[in-house]
Amino acid sequence: MEHNMTPDDALSPLDARDHDILTAISEAAARHDPPPQGLVDRVVFALSLELMRAELASLESQGPVAARGVDPVTTDTVTFTASNLSLMLVTTDVDGGVRIDGWVTGGGVTVEAHCGDARFEETSDVTGRILWPLLPHGPVRFLIRPVRHDQRPVITPTIEV
């Protein structure tokens, strides 16, 4: 049975045939053009960032670095900068995860590493040094809470470790 659509059909409620068509389109999109992995997490993060009114640090540099030792170790160096501070990180693969050595502008600065739903908080020493001995592999972003209360928190873009 053929049905010729009229302008009034657009205002009619969806019927079973409409639901079948929408289901087929959804399945085809999921199979052939799925949303990027982590999209929902990035959207939630972006909305949370706006709500926090935090400053977003920019990624200044990233690159592999060879570390000397008994066994060759590959490390990555990442530097983030914001208007009032910077955060430099050196990541090193260790058994079961990643060690991150960091330096932040100033001592006594609290830095949180956000890995999925997990949060790992550390405070820099008087020289700005900070250490996470073992974080899981995967996406991580950092929330930096300056010591001075008149400065906004700073959040970094997500990186893969």
C-alpha atoms as a PDB file:
ATOM      1  CA  MET A   1       0.000   0.000   0.000  1.00  0.00           C
ATOM      2  CA  GLU A   2       1.529   3.270  -1.139  1.00  0.00           C
ATOM      3  CA  HIS A   3       1.089   6.393   0.916  1.00  0.00           C
ATOM      4  CA  ASN A   4       1.454   9.886  -0.498  1.00  0.00           C
ATOM      5  CA  MET A   5       2.568  12.319   2.164  1.00  0.00           C
ATOM      6  CA  THR A   6       0.818  15.593   2.722  1.00  0.00           C
ATOM      7  CA  PRO A   7       2.061  18.662   4.661  1.00  0.00           C
ATOM      8  CA  ASP A   8      -0.228  17.657   7.534  1.00  0.00           C
ATOM      9  CA  ASP A   9       1.629  14.307   7.923  1.00  0.00           C
ATOM     10  CA  ALA A  10       4.630  16.165   9.387  1.00  0.00           C
ATOM     11  CA  LEU A  11       2.439  17.219  12.313  1.00  0.00           C
ATOM     12  CA  SER A  12       1.103  13.700  12.962  1.00  0.00           C
ATOM     13  CA  PRO A  13       2.460  11.566  15.827  1.00  0.00           C
ATOM     14  CA  LEU A  14       5.124   8.981  14.989  1.00  0.00           C
ATOM     15  CA  ASP A  15       3.795   5.548  14.130  1.00  0.00           C
ATOM     16  CA  ALA A  16       5.408   2.078  14.099  1.00  0.00           C
ATOM     17  CA  ARG A  17       6.802   2.560  10.585  1.00  0.00           C
ATOM     18  CA  ASP A  18       8.468   5.829  11.652  1.00  0.00           C
ATOM     19  CA  HIS A  19      10.058   4.052  14.642  1.00  0.00           C
ATOM     20  CA  ASP A  20      11.339   1.252  12.362  1.00  0.00           C
ATOM     21  CA  ILE A  21      12.950   3.795  10.013  1.00  0.00           C
ATOM     22  CA  LEU A  22      14.544   5.729  12.878  1.00  0.00           C
ATOM     23  CA  THR A  23      15.859   2.488  14.407  1.00  0.00           C
ATOM     24  CA  ALA A  24      17.409   1.455  11.066  1.00  0.00           C
ATOM     25  CA  ILE A  25      19.072   4.874  10.696  1.00  0.00           C
ATOM     26  CA  SER A  26      20.416   4.722  14.272  1.00  0.00           C
ATOM     27  CA  GLU A  27      21.838   1.214  13.759  1.00  0.00           C
ATOM     28  CA  ALA A  28      23.464   2.211  10.451  1.00  0.00           C
ATOM     29  CA  ALA A  29      25.044   5.295  12.024  1.00  0.00           C
ATOM     30  CA  ALA A  30      26.339   3.286  14.997  1.00  0.00           C
ATOM     31  CA  ARG A  31      27.844   0.678  12.663  1.00  0.00           C
ATOM     32  CA  HIS A  32      29.316   2.938   9.962  1.00  0.00           C
ATOM     33  CA  ASP A  33      29.927   6.265  11.728  1.00  0.00           C
ATOM     34  CA  PRO A  34      30.018   5.790  15.515  1.00  0.00           C
ATOM     35  CA  PRO A  35      30.643   8.801  17.754  1.00  0.00           C
ATOM     36  CA  PRO A  36      34.298   9.226  18.746  1.00  0.00           C
ATOM     37  CA  GLN A  37      35.396   7.325  21.839  1.00  0.00           C
ATOM     38  CA  GLY A  38      35.138   9.545  24.900  1.00  0.00           C
ATOM     39  CA  LEU A  39      32.830  12.103  23.258  1.00  0.00           C
ATOM     40  CA  VAL A  40      30.320  12.052  26.098  1.00  0.00           C
ATOM     41  CA  ASP A  41      33.115  12.480  28.681  1.00  0.00           C
ATOM     42  CA  ARG A  42      34.534  15.456  26.722  1.00  0.00           C
ATOM     43  CA  VAL A  43      31.102  17.108  26.481  1.00  0.00           C
ATOM     44  CA  VAL A  44      30.474  16.648  30.213  1.00  0.00           C
ATOM     45  CA  PHE A  45      33.980  17.982  30.913  1.00  0.00           C
ATOM     46  CA  ALA A  46      33.400  21.044  28.729  1.00  0.00           C
ATOM     47  CA  LEU A  47      30.141  21.797  30.504  1.00  0.00           C
ATOM     48  CA  SER A  48      31.777  21.300  33.914  1.00  0.00           C
ATOM     49  CA  LEU A  49      34.601  23.635  32.890  1.00  0.00           C
ATOM     50  CA  GLU A  50      32.134  26.355  31.978  1.00  0.00           C
ATOM     51  CA  LEU A  51      30.357  25.914  35.291  1.00  0.00           C
ATOM     52  CA  MET A  52      33.623  26.159  37.208  1.00  0.00           C
ATOM     53  CA  ARG A  53      34.786  29.237  35.294  1.00  0.00           C
ATOM     54  CA  ALA A  54      38.255  27.777  35.397  1.00  0.00           C
ATOM     55  CA  GLU A  55      40.967  28.956  33.082  1.00  0.00           C
ATOM     56  CA  LEU A  56      41.922  26.456  30.396  1.00  0.00           C
ATOM     57  CA  ALA A  57      45.657  25.887  30.110  1.00  0.00           C
ATOM     58  CA  SER A  58      47.117  25.472  26.658  1.00  0.00           C
ATOM     59  CA  LEU A  59      49.292  22.557  25.624  1.00  0.00           C
ATOM     60  CA  GLU A  60      52.667  24.102  24.757  1.00  0.00           C
ATOM     61  CA  SER A  61      54.854  21.123  23.994  1.00  0.00           C
ATOM     62  CA  GLN A  62      54.782  17.402  23.842  1.00  0.00           C
ATOM     63  CA  GLY A  63      57.365  14.929  22.707  1.00  0.00           C
ATOM     64  CA  PRO A  64      59.225  11.725  23.458  1.00  0.00           C
ATOM     65  CA  VAL A  65      62.432  11.939  25.476  1.00  0.00           C
ATOM     66  CA  ALA A  66      65.012   9.203  25.936  1.00  0.00           C
ATOM     67  CA  ALA A  67      65.890   8.525  29.562  1.00  0.00           C
ATOM     68  CA  ARG A  68      69.212   6.979  30.547  1.00  0.00           C
ATOM     69  CA  GLY A  69      69.377   3.972  32.778  1.00  0.00           C
ATOM     70  CA  VAL A  70      70.118   0.293  32.855  1.00  0.00           C
ATOM     71  CA  ASP A  71      67.162  -0.424  30.595  1.00  0.00           C
ATOM     72  CA  PRO A  72      66.113   2.096  27.939  1.00  0.00           C
ATOM     73  CA  VAL A  73      62.981   3.911  29.082  1.00  0.00           C
ATOM     74  CA  THR A  74      60.735   6.053  26.929  1.00  0.00           C
ATOM     75  CA  THR A  75      59.282   9.154  28.505  1.00  0.00           C
ATOM     76  CA  ASP A  76      57.096  11.960  27.235  1.00  0.00           C
ATOM     77  CA  THR A  77      57.355  15.577  28.275  1.00  0.00           C
ATOM     78  CA  VAL A  78      54.258  17.756  28.252  1.00  0.00           C
ATOM     79  CA  THR A  79      54.029  21.428  29.212  1.00  0.00           C
ATOM     80  CA  PHE A  80      50.830  23.368  29.889  1.00  0.00           C
ATOM     81  CA  THR A  81      50.710  27.125  30.361  1.00  0.00           C
ATOM     82  CA  ALA A  82      48.074  29.499  31.659  1.00  0.00           C
ATOM     83  CA  SER A  83      48.123  33.200  32.461  1.00  0.00           C
ATOM     84  CA  ASN A  84      49.697  32.823  35.926  1.00  0.00           C
ATOM     85  CA  LEU A  85      51.322  29.404  35.977  1.00  0.00           C
ATOM     86  CA  SER A  86      52.747  26.508  34.060  1.00  0.00           C
ATOM     87  CA  LEU A  87      52.777  22.763  34.604  1.00  0.00           C
ATOM     88  CA  MET A  88      55.469  20.559  33.110  1.00  0.00           C
ATOM     89  CA  LEU A  89      54.991  16.797  33.233  1.00  0.00           C
ATOM     90  CA  VAL A  90      57.311  13.919  32.440  1.00  0.00           C
ATOM     91  CA  THR A  91      55.520  10.599  31.998  1.00  0.00           C
ATOM     92  CA  THR A  92      57.322   7.279  32.284  1.00  0.00           C
ATOM     93  CA  ASP A  93      55.841   3.832  31.729  1.00  0.00           C
ATOM     94  CA  VAL A  94      56.113   1.662  34.837  1.00  0.00           C
ATOM     95  CA  ASP A  95      54.725  -1.765  35.617  1.00  0.00           C
ATOM     96  CA  GLY A  96      50.965  -1.490  35.586  1.00  0.00           C
ATOM     97  CA  GLY A  97      50.685   2.183  34.661  1.00  0.00           C
ATOM     98  CA  VAL A  98      52.444   5.515  34.332  1.00  0.00           C
ATOM     99  CA  ARG A  99      54.663   7.504  36.698  1.00  0.00           C
ATOM    100  CA  ILE A 100      54.254  11.262  36.326  1.00  0.00           C
ATOM    101  CA  ASP A 101      56.878  13.663  37.630  1.00  0.00           C
ATOM    102  CA  GLY A 102      55.767  17.262  37.491  1.00  0.00           C
ATOM    103  CA  TRP A 103      56.764  20.822  38.224  1.00  0.00           C
ATOM    104  CA  VAL A 104      54.199  23.561  38.764  1.00  0.00           C
ATOM    105  CA  THR A 105      54.760  27.273  39.245  1.00  0.00           C
ATOM    106  CA  GLY A 106      55.026  27.694  43.002  1.00  0.00           C
ATOM    107  CA  GLY A 107      55.051  25.570  46.111  1.00  0.00           C
ATOM    108  CA  GLY A 108      52.006  24.399  47.996  1.00  0.00           C
ATOM    109  CA  VAL A 109      49.912  24.188  44.829  1.00  0.00           C
ATOM    110  CA  THR A 110      47.298  21.434  44.795  1.00  0.00           C
ATOM    111  CA  VAL A 111      47.086  19.522  41.508  1.00  0.00           C
ATOM    112  CA  GLU A 112      44.476  16.860  40.853  1.00  0.00           C
ATOM    113  CA  ALA A 113      44.976  14.200  38.175  1.00  0.00           C
ATOM    114  CA  HIS A 114      41.566  13.134  36.828  1.00  0.00           C
ATOM    115  CA  CYS A 115      41.633   9.668  35.241  1.00  0.00           C
ATOM    116  CA  GLY A 116      38.077   8.781  34.268  1.00  0.00           C
ATOM    117  CA  ASP A 117      36.087   8.752  37.518  1.00  0.00           C
ATOM    118  CA  ALA A 118      39.222   8.500  39.671  1.00  0.00           C
ATOM    119  CA  ARG A 119      40.930  11.569  41.142  1.00  0.00           C
ATOM    120  CA  PHE A 120      44.499  11.626  42.478  1.00  0.00           C
ATOM    121  CA  GLU A 121      45.389  14.781  44.436  1.00  0.00           C
ATOM    122  CA  GLU A 122      48.952  15.882  45.210  1.00  0.00           C
ATOM    123  CA  THR A 123      50.477  19.116  46.546  1.00  0.00           C
ATOM    124  CA  SER A 124      53.728  20.559  45.209  1.00  0.00           C
ATOM    125  CA  ASP A 125      56.725  20.966  47.484  1.00  0.00           C
ATOM    126  CA  VAL A 126      58.456  24.340  48.022  1.00  0.00           C
ATOM    127  CA  THR A 127      60.256  24.022  44.657  1.00  0.00           C
ATOM    128  CA  GLY A 128      57.026  23.198  42.788  1.00  0.00           C
ATOM    129  CA  ARG A 129      57.847  19.495  42.381  1.00  0.00           C
ATOM    130  CA  ILE A 130      54.961  17.059  42.347  1.00  0.00           C
ATOM    131  CA  LEU A 131      54.782  13.284  41.827  1.00  0.00           C
ATOM    132  CA  TRP A 132      52.181  10.660  40.985  1.00  0.00           C
ATOM    133  CA  PRO A 133      54.071   7.338  41.381  1.00  0.00           C
ATOM    134  CA  LEU A 134      51.420   5.278  39.586  1.00  0.00           C
ATOM    135  CA  LEU A 135      48.473   6.383  37.468  1.00  0.00           C
ATOM    136  CA  PRO A 136      46.500   4.136  35.115  1.00  0.00           C
ATOM    137  CA  HIS A 137      47.091   4.265  31.367  1.00  0.00           C
ATOM    138  CA  GLY A 138      44.457   6.244  29.516  1.00  0.00           C
ATOM    139  CA  PRO A 139      43.118   9.779  29.303  1.00  0.00           C
ATOM    140  CA  VAL A 140      44.079  12.192  32.099  1.00  0.00           C
ATOM    141  CA  ARG A 141      43.559  15.894  32.721  1.00  0.00           C
ATOM    142  CA  PHE A 142      44.849  18.060  35.541  1.00  0.00           C
ATOM    143  CA  LEU A 143      43.068  20.589  37.740  1.00  0.00           C
ATOM    144  CA  ILE A 144      45.460  23.092  39.314  1.00  0.00           C
ATOM    145  CA  ARG A 145      44.289  25.005  42.367  1.00  0.00           C
ATOM    146  CA  PRO A 146      46.568  28.018  42.939  1.00  0.00           C
ATOM    147  CA  VAL A 147      47.540  28.944  46.503  1.00  0.00           C
ATOM    148  CA  ARG A 148      46.211  32.498  46.161  1.00  0.00           C
ATOM    149  CA  HIS A 149      42.444  32.638  46.519  1.00  0.00           C
ATOM    150  CA  ASP A 150      42.146  35.514  44.035  1.00  0.00           C
ATOM    151  CA  GLN A 151      43.411  33.268  41.204  1.00  0.00           C
ATOM    152  CA  ARG A 152      41.079  30.991  39.275  1.00  0.00           C
ATOM    153  CA  PRO A 153      41.700  27.256  39.097  1.00  0.00           C
ATOM    154  CA  VAL A 154      43.312  26.075  35.878  1.00  0.00           C
ATOM    155  CA  ILE A 155      42.358  22.928  33.987  1.00  0.00           C
ATOM    156  CA  THR A 156      44.442  21.266  31.287  1.00  0.00           C
ATOM    157  CA  PRO A 157      43.273  19.618  28.105  1.00  0.00           C
ATOM    158  CA  THR A 158      43.032  15.835  28.314  1.00  0.00           C
ATOM    159  CA  ILE A 159      46.132  13.910  27.294  1.00  0.00           C
ATOM    160  CA  GLU A 160      46.660  10.191  26.801  1.00  0.00           C
ATOM    161  CA  VAL A 161      49.210   8.524  29.096  1.00  0.00           C
END
